PDB file of N, CA and C in Angstrom:
ATOM      1  N   MET A   1     -18.675   5.485 -15.339  1.00  0.00           N
ATOM      2  CA  MET A   1     -17.250   5.180 -15.267  1.00  0.00           C
ATOM      3  C   MET A   1     -16.915   4.650 -13.877  1.00  0.00           C
ATOM      4  N   GLU A   2     -16.044   3.660 -13.846  1.00  0.00           N
ATOM      5  CA  GLU A   2     -15.640   3.082 -12.570  1.00  0.00           C
ATOM      6  C   GLU A   2     -14.786   4.046 -11.768  1.00  0.00           C
ATOM      7  N   ASN A   3     -14.850   3.889 -10.467  1.00  0.00           N
ATOM      8  CA  ASN A   3     -14.033   4.703  -9.564  1.00  0.00           C
ATOM      9  C   ASN A   3     -12.762   3.922  -9.245  1.00  0.00           C
ATOM     10  N   ARG A   4     -11.777   3.989 -10.143  1.00  0.00           N
ATOM     11  CA  ARG A   4     -10.516   3.257  -9.976  1.00  0.00           C
ATOM     12  C   ARG A   4      -9.417   4.193  -9.513  1.00  0.00           C
ATOM     13  N   HIS A   5      -8.504   3.616  -8.782  1.00  0.00           N
ATOM     14  CA  HIS A   5      -7.331   4.347  -8.327  1.00  0.00           C
ATOM     15  C   HIS A   5      -6.097   3.543  -8.710  1.00  0.00           C
ATOM     16  N   VAL A   6      -5.075   4.234  -9.162  1.00  0.00           N
ATOM     17  CA  VAL A   6      -3.801   3.604  -9.478  1.00  0.00           C
ATOM     18  C   VAL A   6      -2.769   4.197  -8.529  1.00  0.00           C
ATOM     19  N   VAL A   7      -2.010   3.325  -7.898  1.00  0.00           N
ATOM     20  CA  VAL A   7      -0.955   3.739  -6.977  1.00  0.00           C
ATOM     21  C   VAL A   7       0.381   3.359  -7.612  1.00  0.00           C
ATOM     22  N   ILE A   8       1.294   4.333  -7.700  1.00  0.00           N
ATOM     23  CA  ILE A   8       2.626   4.092  -8.253  1.00  0.00           C
ATOM     24  C   ILE A   8       3.640   4.404  -7.155  1.00  0.00           C
ATOM     25  N   ILE A   9       4.439   3.401  -6.814  1.00  0.00           N
ATOM     26  CA  ILE A   9       5.383   3.545  -5.714  1.00  0.00           C
ATOM     27  C   ILE A   9       6.797   3.252  -6.213  1.00  0.00           C
ATOM     28  N   PRO A  10       7.620   4.288  -6.375  1.00  0.00           N
ATOM     29  CA  PRO A  10       9.030   4.036  -6.709  1.00  0.00           C
ATOM     30  C   PRO A  10       9.750   3.549  -5.449  1.00  0.00           C
ATOM     31  N   ILE A  11      10.598   2.550  -5.601  1.00  0.00           N
ATOM     32  CA  ILE A  11      11.234   1.928  -4.448  1.00  0.00           C
ATOM     33  C   ILE A  11      12.747   2.089  -4.544  1.00  0.00           C
ATOM     34  N   GLU A  12      13.301   2.780  -3.560  1.00  0.00           N
ATOM     35  CA  GLU A  12      14.740   2.966  -3.454  1.00  0.00           C
ATOM     36  C   GLU A  12      15.252   1.909  -2.483  1.00  0.00           C
ATOM     37  N   ILE A  13      16.093   1.009  -2.976  1.00  0.00           N
ATOM     38  CA  ILE A  13      16.546  -0.106  -2.140  1.00  0.00           C
ATOM     39  C   ILE A  13      17.947  -0.528  -2.556  1.00  0.00           C
ATOM     40  N   ASP A  14      18.735  -0.957  -1.581  1.00  0.00           N
ATOM     41  CA  ASP A  14      20.076  -1.471  -1.869  1.00  0.00           C
ATOM     42  C   ASP A  14      19.955  -2.825  -2.570  1.00  0.00           C
ATOM     43  N   GLU A  15      20.855  -3.082  -3.478  1.00  0.00           N
ATOM     44  CA  GLU A  15      20.811  -4.310  -4.275  1.00  0.00           C
ATOM     45  C   GLU A  15      20.821  -5.570  -3.409  1.00  0.00           C
ATOM     46  N   GLU A  16      21.580  -5.562  -2.310  1.00  0.00           N
ATOM     47  CA  GLU A  16      21.665  -6.769  -1.477  1.00  0.00           C
ATOM     48  C   GLU A  16      20.381  -7.044  -0.700  1.00  0.00           C
ATOM     49  N   LYS A  17      19.501  -6.075  -0.575  1.00  0.00           N
ATOM     50  CA  LYS A  17      18.228  -6.261   0.138  1.00  0.00           C
ATOM     51  C   LYS A  17      17.060  -6.541  -0.810  1.00  0.00           C
ATOM     52  N   GLU A  18      17.323  -6.435  -2.100  1.00  0.00           N
ATOM     53  CA  GLU A  18      16.251  -6.531  -3.088  1.00  0.00           C
ATOM     54  C   GLU A  18      15.532  -7.881  -3.076  1.00  0.00           C
ATOM     55  N   ALA A  19      16.255  -8.977  -3.013  1.00  0.00           N
ATOM     56  CA  ALA A  19      15.641 -10.302  -3.059  1.00  0.00           C
ATOM     57  C   ALA A  19      14.689 -10.525  -1.882  1.00  0.00           C
ATOM     58  N   SER A  20      15.107 -10.154  -0.674  1.00  0.00           N
ATOM     59  CA  SER A  20      14.228 -10.342   0.488  1.00  0.00           C
ATOM     60  C   SER A  20      13.027  -9.401   0.414  1.00  0.00           C
ATOM     61  N   TYR A  21      13.236  -8.209  -0.106  1.00  0.00           N
ATOM     62  CA  TYR A  21      12.126  -7.266  -0.271  1.00  0.00           C
ATOM     63  C   TYR A  21      11.099  -7.824  -1.253  1.00  0.00           C
ATOM     64  N   LEU A  22      11.560  -8.363  -2.370  1.00  0.00           N
ATOM     65  CA  LEU A  22      10.636  -8.907  -3.369  1.00  0.00           C
ATOM     66  C   LEU A  22       9.860 -10.110  -2.830  1.00  0.00           C
ATOM     67  N   ALA A  23      10.495 -10.923  -2.000  1.00  0.00           N
ATOM     68  CA  ALA A  23       9.798 -12.060  -1.386  1.00  0.00           C
ATOM     69  C   ALA A  23       8.694 -11.558  -0.458  1.00  0.00           C
ATOM     70  N   ALA A  24       8.999 -10.545   0.346  1.00  0.00           N
ATOM     71  CA  ALA A  24       7.986  -9.970   1.243  1.00  0.00           C
ATOM     72  C   ALA A  24       6.884  -9.292   0.447  1.00  0.00           C
ATOM     73  N   TRP A  25       7.257  -8.614  -0.647  1.00  0.00           N
ATOM     74  CA  TRP A  25       6.258  -7.959  -1.499  1.00  0.00           C
ATOM     75  C   TRP A  25       5.305  -9.004  -2.090  1.00  0.00           C
ATOM     76  N   GLN A  26       5.836 -10.143  -2.522  1.00  0.00           N
ATOM     77  CA  GLN A  26       4.993 -11.203  -3.086  1.00  0.00           C
ATOM     78  C   GLN A  26       3.988 -11.701  -2.050  1.00  0.00           C
ATOM     79  N   ASP A  27       4.434 -11.894  -0.820  1.00  0.00           N
ATOM     80  CA  ASP A  27       3.522 -12.318   0.250  1.00  0.00           C
ATOM     81  C   ASP A  27       2.434 -11.269   0.476  1.00  0.00           C
ATOM     82  N   ALA A  28       2.815  -9.993   0.516  1.00  0.00           N
ATOM     83  CA  ALA A  28       1.841  -8.913   0.715  1.00  0.00           C
ATOM     84  C   ALA A  28       0.878  -8.817  -0.459  1.00  0.00           C
ATOM     85  N   ALA A  29       1.372  -9.033  -1.672  1.00  0.00           N
ATOM     86  CA  ALA A  29       0.513  -8.978  -2.860  1.00  0.00           C
ATOM     87  C   ALA A  29      -0.555 -10.066  -2.816  1.00  0.00           C
ATOM     88  N   GLU A  30      -0.208 -11.219  -2.301  1.00  0.00           N
ATOM     89  CA  GLU A  30      -1.191 -12.306  -2.179  1.00  0.00           C
ATOM     90  C   GLU A  30      -2.282 -11.951  -1.172  1.00  0.00           C
ATOM     91  N   VAL A  31      -1.902 -11.309  -0.084  1.00  0.00           N
ATOM     92  CA  VAL A  31      -2.891 -10.872   0.910  1.00  0.00           C
ATOM     93  C   VAL A  31      -3.799  -9.800   0.299  1.00  0.00           C
ATOM     94  N   MET A  32      -3.201  -8.836  -0.386  1.00  0.00           N
ATOM     95  CA  MET A  32      -3.984  -7.753  -0.995  1.00  0.00           C
ATOM     96  C   MET A  32      -4.936  -8.276  -2.073  1.00  0.00           C
ATOM     97  N   ALA A  33      -4.514  -9.303  -2.805  1.00  0.00           N
ATOM     98  CA  ALA A  33      -5.343  -9.856  -3.876  1.00  0.00           C
ATOM     99  C   ALA A  33      -6.673 -10.382  -3.349  1.00  0.00           C
ATOM    100  N   ALA A  34      -6.719 -10.740  -2.086  1.00  0.00           N
ATOM    101  CA  ALA A  34      -7.953 -11.261  -1.491  1.00  0.00           C
ATOM    102  C   ALA A  34      -8.855 -10.149  -0.952  1.00  0.00           C
ATOM    103  N   GLN A  35      -8.431  -8.894  -1.043  1.00  0.00           N
ATOM    104  CA  GLN A  35      -9.193  -7.792  -0.469  1.00  0.00           C
ATOM    105  C   GLN A  35     -10.219  -7.251  -1.470  1.00  0.00           C
ATOM    106  N   PRO A  36     -11.379  -6.820  -0.980  1.00  0.00           N
ATOM    107  CA  PRO A  36     -12.398  -6.252  -1.859  1.00  0.00           C
ATOM    108  C   PRO A  36     -11.868  -5.004  -2.576  1.00  0.00           C
ATOM    109  N   GLY A  37     -12.130  -4.925  -3.864  1.00  0.00           N
ATOM    110  CA  GLY A  37     -11.744  -3.759  -4.646  1.00  0.00           C
ATOM    111  C   GLY A  37     -10.359  -3.855  -5.260  1.00  0.00           C
ATOM    112  N   PHE A  38      -9.568  -4.799  -4.799  1.00  0.00           N
ATOM    113  CA  PHE A  38      -8.225  -4.951  -5.345  1.00  0.00           C
ATOM    114  C   PHE A  38      -8.326  -5.524  -6.748  1.00  0.00           C
ATOM    115  N   ILE A  39      -7.602  -4.949  -7.696  1.00  0.00           N
ATOM    116  CA  ILE A  39      -7.644  -5.443  -9.072  1.00  0.00           C
ATOM    117  C   ILE A  39      -6.365  -6.204  -9.417  1.00  0.00           C
ATOM    118  N   ARG A  40      -5.226  -5.526  -9.324  1.00  0.00           N
ATOM    119  CA  ARG A  40      -3.953  -6.176  -9.651  1.00  0.00           C
ATOM    120  C   ARG A  40      -2.789  -5.315  -9.179  1.00  0.00           C
ATOM    121  N   THR A  41      -1.621  -5.936  -9.139  1.00  0.00           N
ATOM    122  CA  THR A  41      -0.394  -5.214  -8.825  1.00  0.00           C
ATOM    123  C   THR A  41       0.729  -5.766  -9.681  1.00  0.00           C
ATOM    124  N   TYR A  42       1.658  -4.910 -10.006  1.00  0.00           N
ATOM    125  CA  TYR A  42       2.831  -5.288 -10.788  1.00  0.00           C
ATOM    126  C   TYR A  42       4.067  -4.690 -10.128  1.00  0.00           C
ATOM    127  N   MET A  43       5.173  -5.417 -10.227  1.00  0.00           N
ATOM    128  CA  MET A  43       6.451  -4.882  -9.794  1.00  0.00           C
ATOM    129  C   MET A  43       7.331  -4.808 -11.038  1.00  0.00           C
ATOM    130  N   PHE A  44       7.855  -3.632 -11.303  1.00  0.00           N
ATOM    131  CA  PHE A  44       8.719  -3.416 -12.451  1.00  0.00           C
ATOM    132  C   PHE A  44      10.145  -3.180 -11.972  1.00  0.00           C
ATOM    133  N   ARG A  45      11.097  -3.645 -12.770  1.00  0.00           N
ATOM    134  CA  ARG A  45      12.510  -3.423 -12.476  1.00  0.00           C
ATOM    135  C   ARG A  45      13.064  -2.536 -13.585  1.00  0.00           C
ATOM    136  N   THR A  46      13.828  -1.525 -13.197  1.00  0.00           N
ATOM    137  CA  THR A  46      14.407  -0.628 -14.184  1.00  0.00           C
ATOM    138  C   THR A  46      15.461  -1.352 -15.026  1.00  0.00           C
ATOM    139  N   ILE A  47      15.659  -0.860 -16.224  1.00  0.00           N
ATOM    140  CA  ILE A  47      16.740  -1.390 -17.066  1.00  0.00           C
ATOM    141  C   ILE A  47      17.932  -0.424 -17.073  1.00  0.00           C
ATOM    142  N   VAL A  48      17.816   0.657 -16.301  1.00  0.00           N
ATOM    143  CA  VAL A  48      18.859   1.677 -16.241  1.00  0.00           C
ATOM    144  C   VAL A  48      19.813   1.348 -15.090  1.00  0.00           C
ATOM    145  N   PRO A  49      21.052   0.996 -15.391  1.00  0.00           N
ATOM    146  CA  PRO A  49      22.009   0.698 -14.319  1.00  0.00           C
ATOM    147  C   PRO A  49      22.205   1.903 -13.400  1.00  0.00           C
ATOM    148  N   GLY A  50      22.245   1.640 -12.094  1.00  0.00           N
ATOM    149  CA  GLY A  50      22.492   2.702 -11.124  1.00  0.00           C
ATOM    150  C   GLY A  50      21.305   3.596 -10.856  1.00  0.00           C
ATOM    151  N   SER A  51      20.116   3.200 -11.287  1.00  0.00           N
ATOM    152  CA  SER A  51      18.915   4.010 -11.063  1.00  0.00           C
ATOM    153  C   SER A  51      18.651   4.192  -9.566  1.00  0.00           C
ATOM    154  N   LYS A  52      18.190   5.379  -9.183  1.00  0.00           N
ATOM    155  CA  LYS A  52      17.846   5.650  -7.786  1.00  0.00           C
ATOM    156  C   LYS A  52      16.701   4.752  -7.330  1.00  0.00           C
ATOM    157  N   PHE A  53      15.771   4.458  -8.232  1.00  0.00           N
ATOM    158  CA  PHE A  53      14.614   3.621  -7.934  1.00  0.00           C
ATOM    159  C   PHE A  53      14.656   2.381  -8.823  1.00  0.00           C
ATOM    160  N   PRO A  54      15.332   1.322  -8.381  1.00  0.00           N
ATOM    161  CA  PRO A  54      15.448   0.140  -9.219  1.00  0.00           C
ATOM    162  C   PRO A  54      14.155  -0.652  -9.372  1.00  0.00           C
ATOM    163  N   LEU A  55      13.204  -0.438  -8.463  1.00  0.00           N
ATOM    164  CA  LEU A  55      11.914  -1.120  -8.528  1.00  0.00           C
ATOM    165  C   LEU A  55      10.789  -0.090  -8.484  1.00  0.00           C
ATOM    166  N   VAL A  56       9.714  -0.411  -9.203  1.00  0.00           N
ATOM    167  CA  VAL A  56       8.517   0.448  -9.176  1.00  0.00           C
ATOM    168  C   VAL A  56       7.308  -0.473  -9.073  1.00  0.00           C
ATOM    169  N   ASN A  57       6.498  -0.239  -8.058  1.00  0.00           N
ATOM    170  CA  ASN A  57       5.277  -0.999  -7.844  1.00  0.00           C
ATOM    171  C   ASN A  57       4.100  -0.195  -8.368  1.00  0.00           C
ATOM    172  N   VAL A  58       3.241  -0.856  -9.160  1.00  0.00           N
ATOM    173  CA  VAL A  58       2.026  -0.222  -9.669  1.00  0.00           C
ATOM    174  C   VAL A  58       0.859  -1.124  -9.257  1.00  0.00           C
ATOM    175  N   ALA A  59      -0.137  -0.524  -8.618  1.00  0.00           N
ATOM    176  CA  ALA A  59      -1.288  -1.304  -8.151  1.00  0.00           C
ATOM    177  C   ALA A  59      -2.582  -0.577  -8.488  1.00  0.00           C
ATOM    178  N   GLU A  60      -3.603  -1.369  -8.788  1.00  0.00           N
ATOM    179  CA  GLU A  60      -4.959  -0.841  -8.993  1.00  0.00           C
ATOM    180  C   GLU A  60      -5.851  -1.370  -7.906  1.00  0.00           C
TER     181      GLU A  60
END
């Protein structure tokens, strides 16, 4: 069996900062994609209005 790790990061962020955060996250994801052992990353957005964590990052 492979030695995989999954990282789940709930992100608490103000709505007005979300767009700039996602742009920076995309840049960081591209850097991480070039690293040995990196498999993939996803950013999820909640569908629940007013959620404490509107974004959740999942990476392998």
